[in-house]
């Protein structure tokens, strides 16, 4: 990846984390991949900001950071969980 994957908005539902990219694509990954986010309150989840020129997401209240690019990489351990 060349670092051009930049986020526009973050949304959640009961099962997935959804990130809309600036180019219009939407990435959805299972919430089960992110135990820290699963343990968080809805208020904490809604309090996210984009960092690193839009290539990452931070949840300041829980001190959690996520690279958007990492959402695109298949992790065999996570995918079988």
N, C-alpha and C. Protein backbone atom coordinates (compact mmCIF):
# COMPACT_ATOMS: atom_id res chain seq x y z
N UNK A 1 0.85 -1.18 0.00
CA UNK A 1 0.00 0.00 0.00
C UNK A 1 0.90 1.24 0.00
N UNK A 2 0.40 2.27 -0.58
CA UNK A 2 1.22 3.46 -0.71
C UNK A 2 0.84 4.58 0.26
N UNK A 3 -0.02 4.29 1.24
CA UNK A 3 -0.39 5.31 2.21
C UNK A 3 -1.50 6.22 1.74
N UNK A 4 -2.11 5.94 0.59
CA UNK A 4 -3.16 6.82 0.07
C UNK A 4 -4.54 6.43 0.58
N UNK A 5 -4.63 5.41 1.43
CA UNK A 5 -5.92 4.98 1.98
C UNK A 5 -6.23 5.90 3.16
N UNK A 6 -7.16 6.83 2.94
CA UNK A 6 -7.48 7.84 3.95
C UNK A 6 -8.95 7.76 4.32
N UNK A 7 -9.20 7.88 5.61
CA UNK A 7 -10.56 7.78 6.10
C UNK A 7 -11.35 9.06 6.03
N UNK A 8 -12.66 8.89 5.92
CA UNK A 8 -13.58 10.03 5.89
C UNK A 8 -14.53 9.99 7.09
N UNK A 9 -15.03 8.77 7.43
CA UNK A 9 -15.93 8.64 8.56
C UNK A 9 -15.85 7.23 9.14
N UNK A 10 -16.26 7.11 10.40
CA UNK A 10 -16.24 5.84 11.13
C UNK A 10 -17.65 5.57 11.65
N UNK A 11 -18.11 4.32 11.46
CA UNK A 11 -19.42 3.91 11.94
C UNK A 11 -19.33 2.50 12.52
N UNK A 12 -20.26 2.18 13.40
CA UNK A 12 -20.32 0.86 14.01
C UNK A 12 -21.73 0.31 13.91
N UNK A 13 -21.83 -1.01 13.89
CA UNK A 13 -23.11 -1.65 14.15
C UNK A 13 -22.82 -2.76 15.17
N UNK A 14 -23.73 -3.65 15.39
CA UNK A 14 -23.54 -4.68 16.41
C UNK A 14 -22.37 -5.61 16.11
N UNK A 15 -22.03 -5.76 14.86
CA UNK A 15 -21.01 -6.75 14.48
C UNK A 15 -19.78 -6.21 13.77
N UNK A 16 -19.85 -5.01 13.20
CA UNK A 16 -18.77 -4.54 12.34
C UNK A 16 -18.34 -3.10 12.62
N UNK A 17 -17.08 -2.86 12.31
CA UNK A 17 -16.51 -1.52 12.26
C UNK A 17 -16.50 -1.14 10.78
N UNK A 18 -17.08 -0.01 10.44
CA UNK A 18 -17.15 0.46 9.05
C UNK A 18 -16.37 1.76 8.94
N UNK A 19 -15.49 1.84 7.97
CA UNK A 19 -14.75 3.07 7.71
C UNK A 19 -14.98 3.46 6.26
N UNK A 20 -15.56 4.64 6.07
CA UNK A 20 -15.73 5.17 4.73
C UNK A 20 -14.44 5.89 4.35
N UNK A 21 -13.93 5.57 3.18
CA UNK A 21 -12.69 6.19 2.71
C UNK A 21 -13.01 7.43 1.89
N UNK A 22 -12.02 8.28 1.75
CA UNK A 22 -12.22 9.53 1.00
C UNK A 22 -12.55 9.27 -0.45
N UNK A 23 -12.17 8.10 -0.98
CA UNK A 23 -12.48 7.80 -2.38
C UNK A 23 -13.85 7.14 -2.56
N UNK A 24 -14.62 7.01 -1.45
CA UNK A 24 -15.97 6.49 -1.53
C UNK A 24 -16.13 5.03 -1.14
N UNK A 25 -15.04 4.28 -1.09
CA UNK A 25 -15.13 2.88 -0.66
C UNK A 25 -15.46 2.80 0.82
N UNK A 26 -16.03 1.68 1.23
CA UNK A 26 -16.29 1.43 2.64
C UNK A 26 -15.63 0.10 3.01
N UNK A 27 -14.84 0.13 4.07
CA UNK A 27 -14.19 -1.07 4.60
C UNK A 27 -14.98 -1.49 5.83
N UNK A 28 -15.33 -2.76 5.91
CA UNK A 28 -16.02 -3.30 7.08
C UNK A 28 -15.25 -4.49 7.60
N UNK A 29 -14.96 -4.49 8.89
CA UNK A 29 -14.27 -5.62 9.52
C UNK A 29 -15.03 -6.00 10.79
N UNK A 30 -14.92 -7.27 11.20
CA UNK A 30 -15.64 -7.72 12.39
C UNK A 30 -15.14 -7.01 13.66
N UNK A 31 -16.06 -6.62 14.51
CA UNK A 31 -15.69 -6.01 15.79
C UNK A 31 -14.89 -6.99 16.64
N UNK A 32 -15.09 -8.28 16.43
CA UNK A 32 -14.36 -9.29 17.21
C UNK A 32 -12.85 -9.20 16.99
N UNK A 33 -12.42 -8.54 15.92
CA UNK A 33 -11.00 -8.35 15.69
C UNK A 33 -10.40 -7.33 16.64
N UNK A 34 -11.24 -6.54 17.30
CA UNK A 34 -10.76 -5.43 18.13
C UNK A 34 -11.35 -5.54 19.54
N UNK A 35 -10.81 -6.41 20.39
CA UNK A 35 -11.35 -6.59 21.74
C UNK A 35 -11.43 -5.28 22.53
N UNK A 36 -10.47 -4.40 22.33
CA UNK A 36 -10.47 -3.12 23.04
C UNK A 36 -11.71 -2.31 22.68
N UNK A 37 -12.09 -2.34 21.42
CA UNK A 37 -13.27 -1.60 20.99
C UNK A 37 -14.54 -2.29 21.47
N UNK A 38 -14.55 -3.61 21.48
CA UNK A 38 -15.72 -4.35 21.95
C UNK A 38 -16.02 -4.06 23.42
N UNK A 39 -14.98 -3.83 24.20
CA UNK A 39 -15.15 -3.56 25.63
C UNK A 39 -15.52 -2.10 25.92
N UNK A 40 -15.51 -1.27 24.91
CA UNK A 40 -15.74 0.16 25.09
C UNK A 40 -17.23 0.49 25.06
N UNK A 41 -17.55 1.65 25.65
CA UNK A 41 -18.93 2.12 25.63
C UNK A 41 -19.22 2.76 24.27
N UNK A 42 -20.49 2.90 23.96
CA UNK A 42 -20.89 3.55 22.72
C UNK A 42 -20.36 4.98 22.66
N UNK A 43 -20.40 5.66 23.78
CA UNK A 43 -19.87 7.03 23.85
C UNK A 43 -18.38 7.06 23.51
N UNK A 44 -17.62 6.11 24.03
CA UNK A 44 -16.19 6.05 23.73
C UNK A 44 -15.95 5.73 22.26
N UNK A 45 -16.75 4.83 21.70
CA UNK A 45 -16.60 4.46 20.29
C UNK A 45 -16.90 5.63 19.36
N UNK A 46 -17.88 6.44 19.73
CA UNK A 46 -18.24 7.58 18.89
C UNK A 46 -17.18 8.67 18.92
N UNK A 47 -16.34 8.66 19.94
CA UNK A 47 -15.30 9.68 20.09
C UNK A 47 -14.02 9.22 19.40
N UNK A 48 -14.05 9.20 18.08
CA UNK A 48 -12.86 8.82 17.31
C UNK A 48 -12.40 10.01 16.48
N UNK A 49 -11.10 10.04 16.21
CA UNK A 49 -10.54 11.08 15.36
C UNK A 49 -9.57 10.43 14.37
N UNK A 50 -9.44 11.04 13.21
CA UNK A 50 -8.45 10.56 12.25
C UNK A 50 -7.10 11.15 12.59
N UNK A 51 -6.07 10.34 12.47
CA UNK A 51 -4.70 10.75 12.75
C UNK A 51 -3.82 10.40 11.56
N UNK A 52 -2.60 10.85 11.58
CA UNK A 52 -1.61 10.52 10.55
C UNK A 52 -2.13 10.82 9.14
N UNK A 53 -2.62 12.05 8.98
CA UNK A 53 -3.14 12.52 7.68
C UNK A 53 -4.28 11.65 7.17
N UNK A 54 -5.09 11.16 8.10
CA UNK A 54 -6.28 10.39 7.73
C UNK A 54 -6.04 8.91 7.50
N UNK A 55 -4.83 8.43 7.73
CA UNK A 55 -4.53 7.02 7.49
C UNK A 55 -4.73 6.15 8.72
N UNK A 56 -5.05 6.77 9.84
CA UNK A 56 -5.28 6.03 11.08
C UNK A 56 -6.44 6.62 11.86
N UNK A 57 -6.91 5.84 12.82
CA UNK A 57 -8.01 6.27 13.67
C UNK A 57 -7.55 6.15 15.11
N UNK A 58 -7.91 7.13 15.92
CA UNK A 58 -7.59 7.10 17.35
C UNK A 58 -8.89 7.24 18.15
N UNK A 59 -8.97 6.47 19.22
CA UNK A 59 -10.03 6.61 20.21
C UNK A 59 -9.34 7.08 21.48
N UNK A 60 -9.28 8.41 21.70
CA UNK A 60 -8.49 8.98 22.80
C UNK A 60 -8.88 8.48 24.18
N UNK A 61 -10.17 8.29 24.42
CA UNK A 61 -10.61 7.90 25.76
C UNK A 61 -10.12 6.52 26.16
N UNK A 62 -9.87 5.65 25.18
CA UNK A 62 -9.40 4.30 25.51
C UNK A 62 -7.96 4.09 25.06
N UNK A 63 -7.33 5.14 24.54
CA UNK A 63 -5.94 5.10 24.08
C UNK A 63 -5.72 3.95 23.09
N UNK A 64 -6.57 3.91 22.06
CA UNK A 64 -6.48 2.86 21.05
C UNK A 64 -6.29 3.50 19.68
N UNK A 65 -5.37 2.91 18.89
CA UNK A 65 -5.05 3.43 17.57
C UNK A 65 -5.16 2.30 16.55
N UNK A 66 -5.67 2.62 15.38
CA UNK A 66 -5.85 1.62 14.34
C UNK A 66 -5.45 2.20 12.99
N UNK A 67 -4.58 1.50 12.30
CA UNK A 67 -4.20 1.87 10.95
C UNK A 67 -5.30 1.39 9.99
N UNK A 68 -5.78 2.27 9.14
CA UNK A 68 -6.81 1.88 8.17
C UNK A 68 -6.23 0.82 7.23
N UNK A 69 -4.99 0.96 6.86
CA UNK A 69 -4.35 -0.03 5.99
C UNK A 69 -4.38 -1.42 6.62
N UNK A 70 -4.24 -1.50 7.94
CA UNK A 70 -4.26 -2.82 8.61
C UNK A 70 -5.62 -3.49 8.49
N UNK A 71 -6.67 -2.72 8.27
CA UNK A 71 -8.00 -3.30 8.09
C UNK A 71 -8.10 -4.04 6.76
N UNK A 72 -7.22 -3.74 5.83
CA UNK A 72 -7.24 -4.35 4.51
C UNK A 72 -6.38 -5.61 4.43
N UNK A 73 -5.60 -5.88 5.45
CA UNK A 73 -4.71 -7.03 5.46
C UNK A 73 -5.43 -8.19 6.13
N UNK A 74 -5.45 -9.33 5.46
CA UNK A 74 -6.08 -10.52 6.02
C UNK A 74 -5.15 -11.10 7.07
N UNK A 75 -5.68 -11.24 8.28
CA UNK A 75 -4.94 -11.85 9.39
C UNK A 75 -5.60 -13.21 9.64
N UNK A 76 -4.87 -14.28 9.32
CA UNK A 76 -5.43 -15.62 9.42
C UNK A 76 -5.95 -15.91 10.82
N UNK A 77 -5.23 -15.49 11.84
CA UNK A 77 -5.67 -15.75 13.23
C UNK A 77 -6.98 -15.05 13.50
N UNK A 78 -7.13 -13.81 13.05
CA UNK A 78 -8.35 -13.06 13.30
C UNK A 78 -9.52 -13.62 12.48
N UNK A 79 -9.25 -14.05 11.26
CA UNK A 79 -10.33 -14.48 10.39
C UNK A 79 -10.94 -15.81 10.81
N UNK A 80 -10.25 -16.60 11.61
CA UNK A 80 -10.80 -17.87 12.08
C UNK A 80 -11.37 -17.76 13.47
N UNK A 81 -11.21 -16.62 14.09
CA UNK A 81 -11.69 -16.43 15.47
C UNK A 81 -13.21 -16.39 15.52
